[in-house]
Structure formats: structure tokens, C-alpha cells
Amino acid sequence: MKETETDIATPEQLLQTLEAQLAAQRSQHAKSGRNRAIILVAGILFIVVAASGALLVLDQMLMDMRPGDRPSTSASTQSNGK
């Protein structure tokens, strides 16, 4: 039976391999950080726009509820006319 020779890496080779792996992880982390920032800004912008829209709708509903701005109805004109 033949003995298989194992490649024993030197400490310098292990260090180079480790540095290459760390560089790859840093580049992936930087990309995900940019994506995270874009998602965060888009989320905040969506919340601000949705809140503005809700305030506009609420303001319109409140304007519709004001008694002075309502047009006179037929029931109120009949009671006032008598």
C-alpha cells in the first residue's frame, strides 16, 4: 500500500490564505453595508411620505366635518323657512 503524501503548508502560506479569506469577507461586508444603507434610507423615505399622506387625508376629513363649511340641506332649509 502506498502512503499518500500530505502537503504541509508553511506558516507563511497559511498566513497568505488567511489574509485572502479576510479580504474576501471584507469586500462582501462592504457590499452588504451599502445595500443596508440604501434599504434604510428608502424605508425612512417611505415612512415620511406615508405619514404626510395620512396627515393630508386627516386634514381633508377634518375640513369636511366643520359645520360652517357644510352646504345647507333640504331639511334645514325647510325648518328655517317656516
PDB file of N, CA and C in Angstrom:
ATOM      1  N   MET A   1       0.845  -1.166   0.000  1.00  0.00           N
ATOM      2  CA  MET A   1       0.000   0.000   0.000  1.00  0.00           C
ATOM      3  C   MET A   1       0.895   1.235   0.000  1.00  0.00           C
ATOM      4  N   LYS A   2       0.559   2.185  -0.874  1.00  0.00           N
ATOM      5  CA  LYS A   2       1.362   3.401  -0.965  1.00  0.00           C
ATOM      6  C   LYS A   2       0.895   4.402   0.078  1.00  0.00           C
ATOM      7  N   GLU A   3       1.822   5.075   0.631  1.00  0.00           N
ATOM      8  CA  GLU A   3       1.487   6.136   1.573  1.00  0.00           C
ATOM      9  C   GLU A   3       1.211   7.409   0.795  1.00  0.00           C
ATOM     10  N   THR A   4       0.157   8.099   1.170  1.00  0.00           N
ATOM     11  CA  THR A   4      -0.159   9.355   0.494  1.00  0.00           C
ATOM     12  C   THR A   4       0.609  10.476   1.176  1.00  0.00           C
ATOM     13  N   GLU A   5       1.193  11.286   0.364  1.00  0.00           N
ATOM     14  CA  GLU A   5       1.945  12.410   0.909  1.00  0.00           C
ATOM     15  C   GLU A   5       0.996  13.574   1.134  1.00  0.00           C
ATOM     16  N   THR A   6       1.083  14.157   2.281  1.00  0.00           N
ATOM     17  CA  THR A   6       0.246  15.311   2.579  1.00  0.00           C
ATOM     18  C   THR A   6       1.050  16.568   2.369  1.00  0.00           C
ATOM     19  N   ASP A   7       0.376  17.554   1.850  1.00  0.00           N
ATOM     20  CA  ASP A   7       1.025  18.844   1.637  1.00  0.00           C
ATOM     21  C   ASP A   7       0.960  19.614   2.943  1.00  0.00           C
ATOM     22  N   ILE A   8       2.056  19.769   3.579  1.00  0.00           N
ATOM     23  CA  ILE A   8       2.092  20.525   4.815  1.00  0.00           C
ATOM     24  C   ILE A   8       2.375  21.978   4.447  1.00  0.00           C
ATOM     25  N   ALA A   9       1.435  22.843   4.834  1.00  0.00           N
ATOM     26  CA  ALA A   9       1.583  24.255   4.490  1.00  0.00           C
ATOM     27  C   ALA A   9       2.496  24.927   5.504  1.00  0.00           C
ATOM     28  N   THR A  10       3.275  25.821   4.997  1.00  0.00           N
ATOM     29  CA  THR A  10       4.162  26.583   5.867  1.00  0.00           C
ATOM     30  C   THR A  10       3.358  27.683   6.530  1.00  0.00           C
ATOM     31  N   PRO A  11       3.846  28.218   7.620  1.00  0.00           N
ATOM     32  CA  PRO A  11       3.123  29.311   8.276  1.00  0.00           C
ATOM     33  C   PRO A  11       2.897  30.511   7.357  1.00  0.00           C
ATOM     34  N   GLU A  12       3.827  30.777   6.464  1.00  0.00           N
ATOM     35  CA  GLU A  12       3.662  31.903   5.532  1.00  0.00           C
ATOM     36  C   GLU A  12       2.503  31.652   4.567  1.00  0.00           C
ATOM     37  N   GLN A  13       2.388  30.404   4.109  1.00  0.00           N
ATOM     38  CA  GLN A  13       1.292  30.066   3.200  1.00  0.00           C
ATOM     39  C   GLN A  13      -0.049  30.142   3.926  1.00  0.00           C
ATOM     40  N   LEU A  14      -0.080  29.687   5.165  1.00  0.00           N
ATOM     41  CA  LEU A  14      -1.317  29.781   5.946  1.00  0.00           C
ATOM     42  C   LEU A  14      -1.705  31.229   6.183  1.00  0.00           C
ATOM     43  N   LEU A  15      -0.718  32.072   6.441  1.00  0.00           N
ATOM     44  CA  LEU A  15      -0.979  33.491   6.655  1.00  0.00           C
ATOM     45  C   LEU A  15      -1.528  34.148   5.389  1.00  0.00           C
ATOM     46  N   GLN A  16      -0.959  33.803   4.250  1.00  0.00           N
ATOM     47  CA  GLN A  16      -1.446  34.356   2.982  1.00  0.00           C
ATOM     48  C   GLN A  16      -2.878  33.894   2.703  1.00  0.00           C
ATOM     49  N   THR A  17      -3.165  32.638   2.988  1.00  0.00           N
ATOM     50  CA  THR A  17      -4.514  32.122   2.786  1.00  0.00           C
ATOM     51  C   THR A  17      -5.510  32.835   3.692  1.00  0.00           C
ATOM     52  N   LEU A  18      -5.114  33.028   4.947  1.00  0.00           N
ATOM     53  CA  LEU A  18      -5.974  33.722   5.894  1.00  0.00           C
ATOM     54  C   LEU A  18      -6.222  35.163   5.465  1.00  0.00           C
ATOM     55  N   GLU A  19      -5.188  35.855   5.001  1.00  0.00           N
ATOM     56  CA  GLU A  19      -5.338  37.239   4.538  1.00  0.00           C
ATOM     57  C   GLU A  19      -6.260  37.311   3.326  1.00  0.00           C
ATOM     58  N   ALA A  20      -6.162  36.337   2.428  1.00  0.00           N
ATOM     59  CA  ALA A  20      -7.034  36.319   1.247  1.00  0.00           C
ATOM     60  C   ALA A  20      -8.491  36.112   1.664  1.00  0.00           C
ATOM     61  N   GLN A  21      -8.710  35.215   2.627  1.00  0.00           N
ATOM     62  CA  GLN A  21     -10.073  34.982   3.101  1.00  0.00           C
ATOM     63  C   GLN A  21     -10.634  36.209   3.813  1.00  0.00           C
ATOM     64  N   LEU A  22      -9.815  36.880   4.605  1.00  0.00           N
ATOM     65  CA  LEU A  22     -10.265  38.095   5.288  1.00  0.00           C
ATOM     66  C   LEU A  22     -10.587  39.203   4.293  1.00  0.00           C
ATOM     67  N   ALA A  23      -9.789  39.334   3.252  1.00  0.00           N
ATOM     68  CA  ALA A  23     -10.052  40.349   2.226  1.00  0.00           C
ATOM     69  C   ALA A  23     -11.371  40.064   1.514  1.00  0.00           C
ATOM     70  N   ALA A  24     -11.652  38.799   1.248  1.00  0.00           N
ATOM     71  CA  ALA A  24     -12.914  38.437   0.588  1.00  0.00           C
ATOM     72  C   ALA A  24     -14.099  38.750   1.498  1.00  0.00           C
ATOM     73  N   GLN A  25     -13.970  38.458   2.781  1.00  0.00           N
ATOM     74  CA  GLN A  25     -15.054  38.753   3.716  1.00  0.00           C
ATOM     75  C   GLN A  25     -15.271  40.253   3.862  1.00  0.00           C
ATOM     76  N   ARG A  26     -14.189  41.023   3.870  1.00  0.00           N
ATOM     77  CA  ARG A  26     -14.323  42.490   3.967  1.00  0.00           C
ATOM     78  C   ARG A  26     -15.049  43.052   2.757  1.00  0.00           C
ATOM     79  N   SER A  27     -14.738  42.556   1.577  1.00  0.00           N
ATOM     80  CA  SER A  27     -15.408  43.076   0.380  1.00  0.00           C
ATOM     81  C   SER A  27     -16.892  42.715   0.386  1.00  0.00           C
ATOM     82  N   GLN A  28     -17.224  41.512   0.852  1.00  0.00           N
ATOM     83  CA  GLN A  28     -18.638  41.125   0.935  1.00  0.00           C
ATOM     84  C   GLN A  28     -19.361  41.958   1.987  1.00  0.00           C
ATOM     85  N   HIS A  29     -18.697  42.235   3.090  1.00  0.00           N
ATOM     86  CA  HIS A  29     -19.312  43.027   4.154  1.00  0.00           C
ATOM     87  C   HIS A  29     -19.530  44.468   3.698  1.00  0.00           C
ATOM     88  N   ALA A  30     -18.603  45.017   2.936  1.00  0.00           N
ATOM     89  CA  ALA A  30     -18.762  46.385   2.441  1.00  0.00           C
ATOM     90  C   ALA A  30     -19.953  46.484   1.494  1.00  0.00           C
ATOM     91  N   LYS A  31     -20.132  45.477   0.649  1.00  0.00           N
ATOM     92  CA  LYS A  31     -21.269  45.483  -0.277  1.00  0.00           C
ATOM     93  C   LYS A  31     -22.588  45.392   0.482  1.00  0.00           C
ATOM     94  N   SER A  32     -22.637  44.530   1.478  1.00  0.00           N
ATOM     95  CA  SER A  32     -23.881  44.393   2.234  1.00  0.00           C
ATOM     96  C   SER A  32     -24.153  45.637   3.064  1.00  0.00           C
ATOM     97  N   GLY A  33     -23.115  46.333   3.502  1.00  0.00           N
ATOM     98  CA  GLY A  33     -23.294  47.580   4.243  1.00  0.00           C
ATOM     99  C   GLY A  33     -23.913  48.664   3.384  1.00  0.00           C
ATOM    100  N   ARG A  34     -23.485  48.745   2.120  1.00  0.00           N
ATOM    101  CA  ARG A  34     -24.068  49.729   1.201  1.00  0.00           C
ATOM    102  C   ARG A  34     -25.529  49.406   0.937  1.00  0.00           C
ATOM    103  N   ASN A  35     -25.827  48.126   0.731  1.00  0.00           N
ATOM    104  CA  ASN A  35     -27.214  47.725   0.492  1.00  0.00           C
ATOM    105  C   ASN A  35     -28.081  48.025   1.709  1.00  0.00           C
ATOM    106  N   ARG A  36     -27.539  47.802   2.882  1.00  0.00           N
ATOM    107  CA  ARG A  36     -28.287  48.056   4.115  1.00  0.00           C
ATOM    108  C   ARG A  36     -28.591  49.541   4.247  1.00  0.00           C
ATOM    109  N   ALA A  37     -27.637  50.387   3.899  1.00  0.00           N
ATOM    110  CA  ALA A  37     -27.853  51.828   3.987  1.00  0.00           C
ATOM    111  C   ALA A  37     -28.921  52.280   2.994  1.00  0.00           C
ATOM    112  N   ILE A  38     -28.902  51.729   1.807  1.00  0.00           N
ATOM    113  CA  ILE A  38     -29.903  52.092   0.793  1.00  0.00           C
ATOM    114  C   ILE A  38     -31.292  51.670   1.259  1.00  0.00           C
ATOM    115  N   ILE A  39     -31.400  50.475   1.812  1.00  0.00           N
ATOM    116  CA  ILE A  39     -32.695  49.996   2.303  1.00  0.00           C
ATOM    117  C   ILE A  39     -33.183  50.856   3.457  1.00  0.00           C
ATOM    118  N   LEU A  40     -32.271  51.263   4.342  1.00  0.00           N
ATOM    119  CA  LEU A  40     -32.644  52.099   5.486  1.00  0.00           C
ATOM    120  C   LEU A  40     -33.158  53.459   5.018  1.00  0.00           C
ATOM    121  N   VAL A  41     -32.469  54.089   4.082  1.00  0.00           N
ATOM    122  CA  VAL A  41     -32.900  55.399   3.575  1.00  0.00           C
ATOM    123  C   VAL A  41     -34.242  55.276   2.860  1.00  0.00           C
ATOM    124  N   ALA A  42     -34.406  54.233   2.058  1.00  0.00           N
ATOM    125  CA  ALA A  42     -35.679  54.038   1.352  1.00  0.00           C
ATOM    126  C   ALA A  42     -36.821  53.801   2.339  1.00  0.00           C
ATOM    127  N   GLY A  43     -36.564  53.067   3.394  1.00  0.00           N
ATOM    128  CA  GLY A  43     -37.595  52.819   4.403  1.00  0.00           C
ATOM    129  C   GLY A  43     -38.015  54.087   5.120  1.00  0.00           C
ATOM    130  N   ILE A  44     -37.034  54.905   5.486  1.00  0.00           N
ATOM    131  CA  ILE A  44     -37.346  56.170   6.161  1.00  0.00           C
ATOM    132  C   ILE A  44     -38.111  57.098   5.225  1.00  0.00           C
ATOM    133  N   LEU A  45     -37.706  57.145   3.967  1.00  0.00           N
ATOM    134  CA  LEU A  45     -38.407  57.984   2.986  1.00  0.00           C
ATOM    135  C   LEU A  45     -39.847  57.511   2.812  1.00  0.00           C
ATOM    136  N   PHE A  46     -40.061  56.205   2.767  1.00  0.00           N
ATOM    137  CA  PHE A  46     -41.417  55.672   2.640  1.00  0.00           C
ATOM    138  C   PHE A  46     -42.264  56.052   3.847  1.00  0.00           C
ATOM    139  N   ILE A  47     -41.703  55.962   5.034  1.00  0.00           N
ATOM    140  CA  ILE A  47     -42.444  56.307   6.250  1.00  0.00           C
ATOM    141  C   ILE A  47     -42.830  57.781   6.237  1.00  0.00           C
ATOM    142  N   VAL A  48     -41.913  58.647   5.824  1.00  0.00           N
ATOM    143  CA  VAL A  48     -42.207  60.081   5.787  1.00  0.00           C
ATOM    144  C   VAL A  48     -43.308  60.381   4.770  1.00  0.00           C
ATOM    145  N   VAL A  49     -43.239  59.776   3.600  1.00  0.00           N
ATOM    146  CA  VAL A  49     -44.251  60.011   2.568  1.00  0.00           C
ATOM    147  C   VAL A  49     -45.610  59.467   3.025  1.00  0.00           C
ATOM    148  N   ALA A  50     -45.626  58.293   3.634  1.00  0.00           N
ATOM    149  CA  ALA A  50     -46.888  57.719   4.106  1.00  0.00           C
ATOM    150  C   ALA A  50     -47.493  58.573   5.222  1.00  0.00           C
ATOM    151  N   ALA A  51     -46.654  59.076   6.126  1.00  0.00           N
ATOM    152  CA  ALA A  51     -47.171  59.928   7.201  1.00  0.00           C
ATOM    153  C   ALA A  51     -47.714  61.240   6.634  1.00  0.00           C
ATOM    154  N   SER A  52     -47.043  61.796   5.639  1.00  0.00           N
ATOM    155  CA  SER A  52     -47.539  63.028   5.012  1.00  0.00           C
ATOM    156  C   SER A  52     -48.886  62.793   4.337  1.00  0.00           C
ATOM    157  N   GLY A  53     -49.006  61.682   3.643  1.00  0.00           N
ATOM    158  CA  GLY A  53     -50.274  61.353   3.001  1.00  0.00           C
ATOM    159  C   GLY A  53     -51.392  61.159   4.015  1.00  0.00           C
ATOM    160  N   ALA A  54     -51.077  60.509   5.126  1.00  0.00           N
ATOM    161  CA  ALA A  54     -52.085  60.298   6.168  1.00  0.00           C
ATOM    162  C   ALA A  54     -52.511  61.630   6.787  1.00  0.00           C
ATOM    163  N   LEU A  55     -51.567  62.545   6.965  1.00  0.00           N
ATOM    164  CA  LEU A  55     -51.924  63.861   7.502  1.00  0.00           C
ATOM    165  C   LEU A  55     -52.806  64.646   6.538  1.00  0.00           C
ATOM    166  N   LEU A  56     -52.519  64.531   5.249  1.00  0.00           N
ATOM    167  CA  LEU A  56     -53.363  65.217   4.265  1.00  0.00           C
ATOM    168  C   LEU A  56     -54.785  64.657   4.272  1.00  0.00           C
ATOM    169  N   VAL A  57     -54.900  63.343   4.355  1.00  0.00           N
ATOM    170  CA  VAL A  57     -56.229  62.720   4.401  1.00  0.00           C
ATOM    171  C   VAL A  57     -56.958  63.136   5.673  1.00  0.00           C
ATOM    172  N   LEU A  58     -56.268  63.132   6.797  1.00  0.00           N
ATOM    173  CA  LEU A  58     -56.885  63.545   8.063  1.00  0.00           C
ATOM    174  C   LEU A  58     -57.318  65.001   8.007  1.00  0.00           C
ATOM    175  N   ASP A  59     -56.498  65.860   7.430  1.00  0.00           N
ATOM    176  CA  ASP A  59     -56.865  67.266   7.313  1.00  0.00           C
ATOM    177  C   ASP A  59     -58.109  67.438   6.449  1.00  0.00           C
ATOM    178  N   GLN A  60     -58.192  66.698   5.367  1.00  0.00           N
ATOM    179  CA  GLN A  60     -59.362  66.780   4.493  1.00  0.00           C
ATOM    180  C   GLN A  60     -60.610  66.286   5.224  1.00  0.00           C
ATOM    181  N   MET A  61     -60.474  65.222   6.001  1.00  0.00           N
ATOM    182  CA  MET A  61     -61.620  64.716   6.757  1.00  0.00           C
ATOM    183  C   MET A  61     -62.068  65.732   7.801  1.00  0.00           C
ATOM    184  N   LEU A  62     -61.139  66.385   8.449  1.00  0.00           N
ATOM    185  CA  LEU A  62     -61.497  67.389   9.445  1.00  0.00           C
ATOM    186  C   LEU A  62     -62.157  68.603   8.800  1.00  0.00           C
ATOM    187  N   MET A  63     -61.702  68.974   7.614  1.00  0.00           N
ATOM    188  CA  MET A  63     -62.327  70.090   6.906  1.00  0.00           C
ATOM    189  C   MET A  63     -63.755  69.738   6.513  1.00  0.00           C
ATOM    190  N   ASP A  64     -63.988  68.492   6.160  1.00  0.00           N
ATOM    191  CA  ASP A  64     -65.338  68.061   5.793  1.00  0.00           C
ATOM    192  C   ASP A  64     -66.275  68.047   6.997  1.00  0.00           C
ATOM    193  N   MET A  65     -65.743  67.914   8.190  1.00  0.00           N
ATOM    194  CA  MET A  65     -66.572  67.835   9.391  1.00  0.00           C
ATOM    195  C   MET A  65     -66.927  69.206   9.967  1.00  0.00           C
ATOM    196  N   ARG A  66     -66.310  70.263   9.494  1.00  0.00           N
ATOM    197  CA  ARG A  66     -66.602  71.596  10.038  1.00  0.00           C
ATOM    198  C   ARG A  66     -68.041  71.982   9.700  1.00  0.00           C
ATOM    199  N   PRO A  67     -68.808  72.464  10.687  1.00  0.00           N
ATOM    200  CA  PRO A  67     -70.222  72.766  10.419  1.00  0.00           C
ATOM    201  C   PRO A  67     -70.416  74.014   9.559  1.00  0.00           C
ATOM    202  N   GLY A  68     -69.557  74.988   9.610  1.00  0.00           N
ATOM    203  CA  GLY A  68     -69.735  76.215   8.840  1.00  0.00           C
ATOM    204  C   GLY A  68     -69.527  76.015   7.354  1.00  0.00           C
ATOM    205  N   ASP A  69     -68.762  75.007   6.961  1.00  0.00           N
ATOM    206  CA  ASP A  69     -68.450  74.789   5.554  1.00  0.00           C
ATOM    207  C   ASP A  69     -69.451  73.889   4.854  1.00  0.00           C
ATOM    208  N   ARG A  70     -70.368  73.288   5.608  1.00  0.00           N
ATOM    209  CA  ARG A  70     -71.316  72.361   5.002  1.00  0.00           C
ATOM    210  C   ARG A  70     -72.375  73.122   4.219  1.00  0.00           C
ATOM    211  N   PRO A  71     -72.739  72.621   3.077  1.00  0.00           N
ATOM    212  CA  PRO A  71     -73.859  73.246   2.352  1.00  0.00           C
ATOM    213  C   PRO A  71     -75.160  72.936   3.078  1.00  0.00           C
ATOM    214  N   SER A  72     -76.098  73.813   2.944  1.00  0.00           N
ATOM    215  CA  SER A  72     -77.367  73.620   3.653  1.00  0.00           C
ATOM    216  C   SER A  72     -78.122  72.454   3.029  1.00  0.00           C
ATOM    217  N   THR A  73     -78.740  71.649   3.884  1.00  0.00           N
ATOM    218  CA  THR A  73     -79.507  70.506   3.409  1.00  0.00           C
ATOM    219  C   THR A  73     -80.971  70.911   3.246  1.00  0.00           C
ATOM    220  N   SER A  74     -81.728  70.084   2.637  1.00  0.00           N
ATOM    221  CA  SER A  74     -83.143  70.403   2.404  1.00  0.00           C
ATOM    222  C   SER A  74     -83.907  70.433   3.711  1.00  0.00           C
ATOM    223  N   ALA A  75     -83.529  69.621   4.675  1.00  0.00           N
ATOM    224  CA  ALA A  75     -84.239  69.611   5.974  1.00  0.00           C
ATOM    225  C   ALA A  75     -83.993  70.906   6.728  1.00  0.00           C
ATOM    226  N   SER A  76     -82.805  71.405   6.679  1.00  0.00           N
ATOM    227  CA  SER A  76     -82.520  72.640   7.416  1.00  0.00           C
ATOM    228  C   SER A  76     -83.157  73.847   6.726  1.00  0.00           C
ATOM    229  N   THR A  77     -83.284  73.829   5.418  1.00  0.00           N
ATOM    230  CA  THR A  77     -83.930  74.956   4.715  1.00  0.00           C
ATOM    231  C   THR A  77     -85.418  74.944   4.964  1.00  0.00           C
ATOM    232  N   GLN A  78     -85.999  73.754   5.094  1.00  0.00           N
ATOM    233  CA  GLN A  78     -87.446  73.711   5.368  1.00  0.00           C
ATOM    234  C   GLN A  78     -87.746  74.204   6.762  1.00  0.00           C
ATOM    235  N   SER A  79     -86.909  73.859   7.765  1.00  0.00           N
ATOM    236  CA  SER A  79     -87.176  74.293   9.106  1.00  0.00           C
ATOM    237  C   SER A  79     -86.899  75.790   9.256  1.00  0.00           C
ATOM    238  N   ASN A  80     -85.938  76.298   8.514  1.00  0.00           N
ATOM    239  CA  ASN A  80     -85.639  77.729   8.596  1.00  0.00           C
ATOM    240  C   ASN A  80     -86.677  78.560   7.839  1.00  0.00           C
ATOM    241  N   GLY A  81     -87.297  78.008   6.836  1.00  0.00           N
ATOM    242  CA  GLY A  81     -88.250  78.744   6.033  1.00  0.00           C
ATOM    243  C   GLY A  81     -89.591  78.916   6.688  1.00  0.00           C
ATOM    244  N   LYS A  82     -89.945  78.145   7.677  1.00  0.00           N
ATOM    245  CA  LYS A  82     -91.264  78.221   8.312  1.00  0.00           C
ATOM    246  C   LYS A  82     -91.337  79.257   9.349  1.00  0.00           C
TER     247      LYS A  82
END
